[in-house]
């Protein structure tokens, strides 16, 4: 994809499902499963395919942060 040319037009690059899966290090089916469960990134349907805006993926990833680990049941340091 010639992202520089499209960026010059003010268009944001998009990822295919395969590209997103490769980036995340998961199988393509994991992306489909996340979307089916309503837990995946927002996508854009283009015909029979789904594309993902990079900004949507980054926003989704930001929302996936797990809370900081909290030690419970221990005594406080003094």
PDB file of N, CA and C in Angstrom:
ATOM      1  N   UNK A   1       0.853  -1.181   0.000  1.00  0.00           N
ATOM      2  CA  UNK A   1       0.000   0.000   0.000  1.00  0.00           C
ATOM      3  C   UNK A   1       0.891   1.234   0.000  1.00  0.00           C
ATOM      4  N   UNK A   2       0.555   2.188  -0.814  1.00  0.00           N
ATOM      5  CA  UNK A   2       1.313   3.443  -0.897  1.00  0.00           C
ATOM      6  C   UNK A   2       0.718   4.428   0.108  1.00  0.00           C
ATOM      7  N   UNK A   3       1.074   4.264   1.381  1.00  0.00           N
ATOM      8  CA  UNK A   3       0.469   5.074   2.440  1.00  0.00           C
ATOM      9  C   UNK A   3       0.827   6.542   2.329  1.00  0.00           C
ATOM     10  N   UNK A   4       2.009   6.850   1.813  1.00  0.00           N
ATOM     11  CA  UNK A   4       2.404   8.257   1.684  1.00  0.00           C
ATOM     12  C   UNK A   4       1.493   8.990   0.711  1.00  0.00           C
ATOM     13  N   UNK A   5       1.147   8.342  -0.384  1.00  0.00           N
ATOM     14  CA  UNK A   5       0.269   8.970  -1.369  1.00  0.00           C
ATOM     15  C   UNK A   5      -1.112   9.234  -0.768  1.00  0.00           C
ATOM     16  N   UNK A   6      -1.642   8.247  -0.036  1.00  0.00           N
ATOM     17  CA  UNK A   6      -2.961   8.414   0.560  1.00  0.00           C
ATOM     18  C   UNK A   6      -2.943   9.427   1.697  1.00  0.00           C
ATOM     19  N   UNK A   7      -1.868   9.453   2.466  1.00  0.00           N
ATOM     20  CA  UNK A   7      -1.750  10.432   3.546  1.00  0.00           C
ATOM     21  C   UNK A   7      -1.753  11.840   2.975  1.00  0.00           C
ATOM     22  N   UNK A   8      -1.156  12.010   1.800  1.00  0.00           N
ATOM     23  CA  UNK A   8      -1.159  13.313   1.138  1.00  0.00           C
ATOM     24  C   UNK A   8      -2.551  13.757   0.752  1.00  0.00           C
ATOM     25  N   UNK A   9      -3.455  12.802   0.591  1.00  0.00           N
ATOM     26  CA  UNK A   9      -4.849  13.111   0.276  1.00  0.00           C
ATOM     27  C   UNK A   9      -5.684  13.309   1.538  1.00  0.00           C
ATOM     28  N   UNK A  10      -5.065  13.157   2.695  1.00  0.00           N
ATOM     29  CA  UNK A  10      -5.785  13.300   3.953  1.00  0.00           C
ATOM     30  C   UNK A  10      -6.495  12.027   4.374  1.00  0.00           C
ATOM     31  N   UNK A  11      -6.167  10.907   3.725  1.00  0.00           N
ATOM     32  CA  UNK A  11      -6.793   9.633   4.066  1.00  0.00           C
ATOM     33  C   UNK A  11      -5.923   8.869   5.051  1.00  0.00           C
ATOM     34  N   UNK A  12      -6.569   8.298   6.043  1.00  0.00           N
ATOM     35  CA  UNK A  12      -5.846   7.519   7.042  1.00  0.00           C
ATOM     36  C   UNK A  12      -5.622   6.101   6.517  1.00  0.00           C
ATOM     37  N   UNK A  13      -4.426   5.563   6.699  1.00  0.00           N
ATOM     38  CA  UNK A  13      -4.184   4.180   6.278  1.00  0.00           C
ATOM     39  C   UNK A  13      -5.069   3.207   7.051  1.00  0.00           C
ATOM     40  N   UNK A  14      -5.389   2.101   6.410  1.00  0.00           N
ATOM     41  CA  UNK A  14      -6.187   1.058   7.051  1.00  0.00           C
ATOM     42  C   UNK A  14      -5.437  -0.263   6.968  1.00  0.00           C
ATOM     43  N   UNK A  15      -5.784  -1.169   7.864  1.00  0.00           N
ATOM     44  CA  UNK A  15      -5.186  -2.497   7.896  1.00  0.00           C
ATOM     45  C   UNK A  15      -6.221  -3.531   7.488  1.00  0.00           C
ATOM     46  N   UNK A  16      -5.771  -4.579   6.821  1.00  0.00           N
ATOM     47  CA  UNK A  16      -6.643  -5.719   6.569  1.00  0.00           C
ATOM     48  C   UNK A  16      -6.707  -6.545   7.847  1.00  0.00           C
ATOM     49  N   UNK A  17      -7.602  -7.498   7.883  1.00  0.00           N
ATOM     50  CA  UNK A  17      -7.691  -8.381   9.041  1.00  0.00           C
ATOM     51  C   UNK A  17      -6.385  -9.150   9.219  1.00  0.00           C
ATOM     52  N   UNK A  18      -5.801  -9.605   8.120  1.00  0.00           N
ATOM     53  CA  UNK A  18      -4.523 -10.333   8.187  1.00  0.00           C
ATOM     54  C   UNK A  18      -3.400  -9.445   8.708  1.00  0.00           C
ATOM     55  N   UNK A  19      -3.354  -8.201   8.250  1.00  0.00           N
ATOM     56  CA  UNK A  19      -2.317  -7.275   8.717  1.00  0.00           C
ATOM     57  C   UNK A  19      -2.471  -6.992  10.207  1.00  0.00           C
ATOM     58  N   UNK A  20      -3.718  -6.813  10.658  1.00  0.00           N
ATOM     59  CA  UNK A  20      -3.960  -6.565  12.080  1.00  0.00           C
ATOM     60  C   UNK A  20      -3.555  -7.780  12.906  1.00  0.00           C
ATOM     61  N   UNK A  21      -3.911  -8.965  12.440  1.00  0.00           N
ATOM     62  CA  UNK A  21      -3.543 -10.188  13.155  1.00  0.00           C
ATOM     63  C   UNK A  21      -2.025 -10.333  13.234  1.00  0.00           C
ATOM     64  N   UNK A  22      -1.332 -10.061  12.138  1.00  0.00           N
ATOM     65  CA  UNK A  22       0.137 -10.127  12.140  1.00  0.00           C
ATOM     66  C   UNK A  22       0.721  -9.131  13.130  1.00  0.00           C
ATOM     67  N   UNK A  23       0.193  -7.915  13.140  1.00  0.00           N
ATOM     68  CA  UNK A  23       0.680  -6.872  14.041  1.00  0.00           C
ATOM     69  C   UNK A  23       0.514  -7.293  15.504  1.00  0.00           C
ATOM     70  N   UNK A  24      -0.636  -7.897  15.813  1.00  0.00           N
ATOM     71  CA  UNK A  24      -0.927  -8.295  17.189  1.00  0.00           C
ATOM     72  C   UNK A  24      -0.314  -9.641  17.555  1.00  0.00           C
ATOM     73  N   UNK A  25       0.144 -10.387  16.549  1.00  0.00           N
ATOM     74  CA  UNK A  25       0.728 -11.698  16.813  1.00  0.00           C
ATOM     75  C   UNK A  25      -0.303 -12.753  17.153  1.00  0.00           C
ATOM     76  N   UNK A  26      -1.483 -12.649  16.547  1.00  0.00           N
ATOM     77  CA  UNK A  26      -2.556 -13.615  16.781  1.00  0.00           C
ATOM     78  C   UNK A  26      -3.031 -14.162  15.438  1.00  0.00           C
ATOM     79  N   UNK A  27      -3.832 -15.218  15.500  1.00  0.00           N
ATOM     80  CA  UNK A  27      -4.426 -15.764  14.284  1.00  0.00           C
ATOM     81  C   UNK A  27      -5.551 -14.853  13.806  1.00  0.00           C
ATOM     82  N   UNK A  28      -5.808 -14.874  12.521  1.00  0.00           N
ATOM     83  CA  UNK A  28      -6.894 -14.076  11.944  1.00  0.00           C
ATOM     84  C   UNK A  28      -8.213 -14.414  12.630  1.00  0.00           C
ATOM     85  N   UNK A  29      -8.419 -15.686  12.942  1.00  0.00           N
ATOM     86  CA  UNK A  29      -9.668 -16.096  13.587  1.00  0.00           C
ATOM     87  C   UNK A  29      -9.866 -15.387  14.924  1.00  0.00           C
ATOM     88  N   UNK A  30      -8.783 -15.081  15.622  1.00  0.00           N
ATOM     89  CA  UNK A  30      -8.892 -14.366  16.899  1.00  0.00           C
ATOM     90  C   UNK A  30      -9.501 -12.983  16.690  1.00  0.00           C
ATOM     91  N   UNK A  31      -9.162 -12.330  15.593  1.00  0.00           N
ATOM     92  CA  UNK A  31      -9.735 -11.015  15.292  1.00  0.00           C
ATOM     93  C   UNK A  31     -11.230 -11.156  15.040  1.00  0.00           C
ATOM     94  N   UNK A  32     -11.602 -12.158  14.238  1.00  0.00           N
ATOM     95  CA  UNK A  32     -13.027 -12.388  13.971  1.00  0.00           C
ATOM     96  C   UNK A  32     -13.778 -12.714  15.258  1.00  0.00           C
ATOM     97  N   UNK A  33     -13.183 -13.551  16.113  1.00  0.00           N
ATOM     98  CA  UNK A  33     -13.830 -13.919  17.375  1.00  0.00           C
ATOM     99  C   UNK A  33     -14.023 -12.706  18.280  1.00  0.00           C
ATOM    100  N   UNK A  34     -13.006 -11.851  18.381  1.00  0.00           N
ATOM    101  CA  UNK A  34     -13.127 -10.643  19.201  1.00  0.00           C
ATOM    102  C   UNK A  34     -14.257  -9.758  18.698  1.00  0.00           C
ATOM    103  N   UNK A  35     -14.355  -9.601  17.388  1.00  0.00           N
ATOM    104  CA  UNK A  35     -15.407  -8.755  16.823  1.00  0.00           C
ATOM    105  C   UNK A  35     -16.782  -9.378  17.034  1.00  0.00           C
ATOM    106  N   UNK A  36     -16.875 -10.696  16.906  1.00  0.00           N
ATOM    107  CA  UNK A  36     -18.151 -11.383  17.124  1.00  0.00           C
ATOM    108  C   UNK A  36     -18.617 -11.193  18.563  1.00  0.00           C
ATOM    109  N   UNK A  37     -17.668 -11.217  19.498  1.00  0.00           N
ATOM    110  CA  UNK A  37     -17.987 -11.031  20.920  1.00  0.00           C
ATOM    111  C   UNK A  37     -18.189  -9.569  21.297  1.00  0.00           C
ATOM    112  N   UNK A  38     -17.992  -8.651  20.342  1.00  0.00           N
ATOM    113  CA  UNK A  38     -18.141  -7.228  20.628  1.00  0.00           C
ATOM    114  C   UNK A  38     -16.953  -6.642  21.369  1.00  0.00           C
ATOM    115  N   UNK A  39     -15.809  -7.338  21.350  1.00  0.00           N
ATOM    116  CA  UNK A  39     -14.633  -6.878  22.090  1.00  0.00           C
ATOM    117  C   UNK A  39     -13.496  -6.448  21.179  1.00  0.00           C
ATOM    118  N   UNK A  40     -13.709  -6.461  19.874  1.00  0.00           N
ATOM    119  CA  UNK A  40     -12.652  -6.122  18.928  1.00  0.00           C
ATOM    120  C   UNK A  40     -12.687  -4.662  18.532  1.00  0.00           C
ATOM    121  N   UNK A  41     -11.705  -4.250  17.743  1.00  0.00           N
ATOM    122  CA  UNK A  41     -11.668  -2.860  17.283  1.00  0.00           C
ATOM    123  C   UNK A  41     -12.764  -2.585  16.263  1.00  0.00           C
ATOM    124  N   UNK A  42     -13.148  -1.329  16.166  1.00  0.00           N
ATOM    125  CA  UNK A  42     -14.135  -0.927  15.160  1.00  0.00           C
ATOM    126  C   UNK A  42     -13.558  -1.192  13.782  1.00  0.00           C
ATOM    127  N   UNK A  43     -14.407  -1.643  12.886  1.00  0.00           N
ATOM    128  CA  UNK A  43     -13.958  -1.934  11.530  1.00  0.00           C
ATOM    129  C   UNK A  43     -14.830  -1.238  10.507  1.00  0.00           C
ATOM    130  N   UNK A  44     -14.335  -1.219   9.284  1.00  0.00           N
ATOM    131  CA  UNK A  44     -15.062  -0.624   8.163  1.00  0.00           C
ATOM    132  C   UNK A  44     -15.284  -1.733   7.150  1.00  0.00           C
ATOM    133  N   UNK A  45     -16.531  -1.980   6.814  1.00  0.00           N
ATOM    134  CA  UNK A  45     -16.819  -3.014   5.827  1.00  0.00           C
ATOM    135  C   UNK A  45     -16.621  -2.434   4.435  1.00  0.00           C
ATOM    136  N   UNK A  46     -15.816  -3.128   3.641  1.00  0.00           N
ATOM    137  CA  UNK A  46     -15.572  -2.763   2.249  1.00  0.00           C
ATOM    138  C   UNK A  46     -15.919  -4.007   1.437  1.00  0.00           C
ATOM    139  N   UNK A  47     -17.135  -4.032   0.913  1.00  0.00           N
ATOM    140  CA  UNK A  47     -17.600  -5.243   0.240  1.00  0.00           C
ATOM    141  C   UNK A  47     -17.721  -6.364   1.255  1.00  0.00           C
ATOM    142  N   UNK A  48     -17.021  -7.459   1.005  1.00  0.00           N
ATOM    143  CA  UNK A  48     -17.062  -8.597   1.926  1.00  0.00           C
ATOM    144  C   UNK A  48     -15.925  -8.564   2.937  1.00  0.00           C
ATOM    145  N   UNK A  49     -15.060  -7.606   2.817  1.00  0.00           N
ATOM    146  CA  UNK A  49     -13.878  -7.512   3.678  1.00  0.00           C
ATOM    147  C   UNK A  49     -14.071  -6.457   4.764  1.00  0.00           C
ATOM    148  N   UNK A  50     -13.248  -6.541   5.800  1.00  0.00           N
ATOM    149  CA  UNK A  50     -13.246  -5.545   6.870  1.00  0.00           C
ATOM    150  C   UNK A  50     -11.869  -4.903   6.903  1.00  0.00           C
ATOM    151  N   UNK A  51     -11.855  -3.599   7.051  1.00  0.00           N
ATOM    152  CA  UNK A  51     -10.608  -2.847   7.185  1.00  0.00           C
ATOM    153  C   UNK A  51     -10.643  -2.126   8.525  1.00  0.00           C
ATOM    154  N   UNK A  52      -9.458  -1.859   9.055  1.00  0.00           N
ATOM    155  CA  UNK A  52      -9.344  -1.242  10.370  1.00  0.00           C
ATOM    156  C   UNK A  52      -8.500   0.016  10.274  1.00  0.00           C
ATOM    157  N   UNK A  53      -9.078   1.160  10.669  1.00  0.00           N
ATOM    158  CA  UNK A  53      -8.304   2.400  10.731  1.00  0.00           C
ATOM    159  C   UNK A  53      -7.264   2.258  11.832  1.00  0.00           C
ATOM    160  N   UNK A  54      -6.081   2.731  11.563  1.00  0.00           N
ATOM    161  CA  UNK A  54      -5.013   2.647  12.557  1.00  0.00           C
ATOM    162  C   UNK A  54      -5.407   3.387  13.828  1.00  0.00           C
ATOM    163  N   UNK A  55      -6.070   4.527  13.703  1.00  0.00           N
ATOM    164  CA  UNK A  55      -6.482   5.284  14.897  1.00  0.00           C
ATOM    165  C   UNK A  55      -7.485   4.485  15.732  1.00  0.00           C
ATOM    166  N   UNK A  56      -8.385   3.731  15.078  1.00  0.00           N
ATOM    167  CA  UNK A  56      -9.346   2.898  15.812  1.00  0.00           C
ATOM    168  C   UNK A  56      -8.636   1.760  16.541  1.00  0.00           C
ATOM    169  N   UNK A  57      -7.645   1.171  15.887  1.00  0.00           N
ATOM    170  CA  UNK A  57      -6.884   0.085  16.508  1.00  0.00           C
ATOM    171  C   UNK A  57      -6.126   0.607  17.726  1.00  0.00           C
ATOM    172  N   UNK A  58      -5.486   1.763  17.594  1.00  0.00           N
ATOM    173  CA  UNK A  58      -4.737   2.336  18.720  1.00  0.00           C
ATOM    174  C   UNK A  58      -5.657   2.685  19.884  1.00  0.00           C
ATOM    175  N   UNK A  59      -6.832   3.229  19.590  1.00  0.00           N
ATOM    176  CA  UNK A  59      -7.802   3.560  20.635  1.00  0.00           C
ATOM    177  C   UNK A  59      -8.270   2.276  21.339  1.00  0.00           C
ATOM    178  N   UNK A  60      -8.531   1.235  20.550  1.00  0.00           N
ATOM    179  CA  UNK A  60      -8.951  -0.053  21.100  1.00  0.00           C
ATOM    180  C   UNK A  60      -7.857  -0.633  21.994  1.00  0.00           C
ATOM    181  N   UNK A  61      -6.611  -0.576  21.526  1.00  0.00           N
ATOM    182  CA  UNK A  61      -5.500  -1.090  22.325  1.00  0.00           C
ATOM    183  C   UNK A  61      -5.344  -0.314  23.625  1.00  0.00           C
ATOM    184  N   UNK A  62      -5.519   1.007  23.582  1.00  0.00           N
ATOM    185  CA  UNK A  62      -5.438   1.819  24.803  1.00  0.00           C
ATOM    186  C   UNK A  62      -6.483   1.379  25.820  1.00  0.00           C
ATOM    187  N   UNK A  63      -7.653   0.990  25.345  1.00  0.00           N
ATOM    188  CA  UNK A  63      -8.720   0.540  26.228  1.00  0.00           C
ATOM    189  C   UNK A  63      -8.510  -0.866  26.769  1.00  0.00           C
ATOM    190  N   UNK A  64      -7.524  -1.578  26.244  1.00  0.00           N
ATOM    191  CA  UNK A  64      -7.270  -2.961  26.655  1.00  0.00           C
ATOM    192  C   UNK A  64      -6.293  -3.059  27.818  1.00  0.00           C
ATOM    193  N   UNK A  65      -5.767  -1.914  28.284  1.00  0.00           N
ATOM    194  CA  UNK A  65      -4.799  -1.960  29.385  1.00  0.00           C
ATOM    195  C   UNK A  65      -5.422  -2.627  30.594  1.00  0.00           C
ATOM    196  N   UNK A  66      -4.659  -3.518  31.205  1.00  0.00           N
ATOM    197  CA  UNK A  66      -5.106  -4.134  32.443  1.00  0.00           C
ATOM    198  C   UNK A  66      -4.732  -3.214  33.593  1.00  0.00           C
ATOM    199  N   UNK A  67      -5.507  -3.260  34.670  1.00  0.00           N
ATOM    200  CA  UNK A  67      -5.175  -2.396  35.813  1.00  0.00           C
ATOM    201  C   UNK A  67      -3.823  -2.795  36.397  1.00  0.00           C
ATOM    202  N   UNK A  68      -3.196  -1.827  37.048  1.00  0.00           N
ATOM    203  CA  UNK A  68      -1.923  -2.111  37.708  1.00  0.00           C
ATOM    204  C   UNK A  68      -2.127  -3.217  38.726  1.00  0.00           C
ATOM    205  N   UNK A  69      -1.114  -4.022  38.892  1.00  0.00           N
ATOM    206  CA  UNK A  69      -1.172  -5.127  39.847  1.00  0.00           C
ATOM    207  C   UNK A  69      -1.222  -4.569  41.268  1.00  0.00           C
ATOM    208  N   UNK A  70      -2.205  -5.015  42.018  1.00  0.00           N
ATOM    209  CA  UNK A  70      -2.354  -4.572  43.404  1.00  0.00           C
ATOM    210  C   UNK A  70      -2.135  -5.778  44.302  1.00  0.00           C
ATOM    211  N   UNK A  71      -1.228  -5.648  45.240  1.00  0.00           N
ATOM    212  CA  UNK A  71      -0.975  -6.720  46.193  1.00  0.00           C
ATOM    213  C   UNK A  71      -2.005  -6.600  47.296  1.00  0.00           C
ATOM    214  N   UNK A  72      -2.732  -7.685  47.538  1.00  0.00           N
ATOM    215  CA  UNK A  72      -3.749  -7.633  48.590  1.00  0.00           C
ATOM    216  C   UNK A  72      -3.381  -8.599  49.712  1.00  0.00           C
ATOM    217  N   UNK A  73      -3.850  -8.288  50.892  1.00  0.00           N
ATOM    218  CA  UNK A  73      -3.653  -9.165  52.032  1.00  0.00           C
ATOM    219  C   UNK A  73      -2.284  -9.057  52.685  1.00  0.00           C
ATOM    220  N   UNK A  74      -1.430  -8.231  52.148  1.00  0.00           N
ATOM    221  CA  UNK A  74      -0.093  -8.075  52.727  1.00  0.00           C
ATOM    222  C   UNK A  74      -0.059  -6.944  53.728  1.00  0.00           C
ATOM    223  N   UNK A  75       0.992  -6.903  54.502  1.00  0.00           N
ATOM    224  CA  UNK A  75       1.127  -5.791  55.444  1.00  0.00           C
ATOM    225  C   UNK A  75       1.782  -4.621  54.738  1.00  0.00           C
ATOM    226  N   UNK A  76       1.479  -3.452  55.203  1.00  0.00           N
ATOM    227  CA  UNK A  76       2.039  -2.241  54.610  1.00  0.00           C
ATOM    228  C   UNK A  76       3.481  -2.056  55.048  1.00  0.00           C
ATOM    229  N   UNK A  77       4.282  -1.545  54.140  1.00  0.00           N
ATOM    230  CA  UNK A  77       5.672  -1.228  54.495  1.00  0.00           C
ATOM    231  C   UNK A  77       5.682   0.036  55.342  1.00  0.00           C
ATOM    232  N   UNK A  78       6.526   0.062  56.346  1.00  0.00           N
ATOM    233  CA  UNK A  78       6.579   1.236  57.226  1.00  0.00           C
ATOM    234  C   UNK A  78       7.928   1.828  57.223  1.00  0.00           C
TER     235      UNK A  78
END
